[in-house]
Amino acid sequence: MRFGAWEIVLVIVLVLIVFGGAKLSGLGKSLGRGIREFKEEVGADQKEPAPKTEDPS
């Protein structure tokens, strides 16, 4: 099932009518902030060196 341009435009218009522009912009900001924080945390985990283990012998 493929969506055409008119179906996508109709869905966008309906979402704007139901939620309003202000709520959508706030949602976009929250989503962007969450993605940015997630990337920072993943990057921080990869940059930390692995803990050294002592050789028991």
Protein backbone atom coordinates (compact mmCIF):
# COMPACT_ATOMS: atom_id res chain seq x y z
CA MET A 1 0.00 0.00 0.00
CA ARG A 2 1.53 3.29 -1.10
CA PHE A 3 0.56 6.74 0.04
CA GLY A 4 0.35 9.55 -2.48
CA ALA A 5 1.07 13.22 -1.96
CA TRP A 6 -2.60 14.08 -1.34
CA GLU A 7 -2.96 11.48 1.40
CA ILE A 8 0.14 12.78 3.19
CA VAL A 9 -1.09 16.39 2.94
CA LEU A 10 -4.49 15.36 4.29
CA VAL A 11 -2.92 13.60 7.29
CA ILE A 12 -0.75 16.65 8.05
CA VAL A 13 -3.74 18.99 7.87
CA LEU A 14 -5.79 16.74 10.16
CA VAL A 15 -2.96 16.53 12.70
CA LEU A 16 -2.64 20.33 12.69
CA ILE A 17 -6.38 20.71 13.22
CA VAL A 18 -6.51 18.18 16.07
CA PHE A 19 -3.36 19.16 17.96
CA GLY A 20 -2.78 22.76 16.88
CA GLY A 21 0.46 24.41 15.89
CA ALA A 22 1.59 25.36 19.41
CA LYS A 23 1.43 21.81 20.75
CA LEU A 24 3.21 20.43 17.69
CA SER A 25 6.07 22.92 18.01
CA GLY A 26 6.44 22.04 21.69
CA LEU A 27 6.41 18.37 20.81
CA GLY A 28 9.10 18.95 18.20
CA LYS A 29 11.28 20.79 20.69
CA SER A 30 10.88 18.03 23.28
CA LEU A 31 11.64 15.33 20.74
CA GLY A 32 14.74 17.16 19.52
CA ARG A 33 15.99 17.69 23.07
CA GLY A 34 15.46 14.03 23.89
CA ILE A 35 17.32 12.85 20.80
CA ARG A 36 20.20 15.25 21.53
CA GLU A 37 20.50 14.03 25.13
CA PHE A 38 20.39 10.41 23.97
CA LYS A 39 23.22 11.00 21.47
CA GLU A 40 25.30 12.76 24.14
CA GLU A 41 24.87 9.86 26.56
CA VAL A 42 25.71 7.24 23.95
CA GLY A 43 28.77 9.24 22.90
CA ALA A 44 29.90 9.63 26.52
CA ASP A 45 29.66 5.87 27.09
CA GLN A 46 31.81 5.15 24.04
CA LYS A 47 34.51 7.69 25.00
CA GLU A 48 35.07 6.33 28.52
CA PRO A 49 37.93 3.84 28.69
CA ALA A 50 37.21 0.34 29.91
CA PRO A 51 38.06 -0.20 33.60
CA LYS A 52 41.39 -1.90 34.17
CA THR A 53 41.35 -5.28 35.86
CA GLU A 54 44.21 -6.39 38.02
CA ASP A 55 45.96 -9.63 37.24
CA PRO A 56 45.54 -11.95 40.26
CA SER A 57 48.83 -13.79 39.61
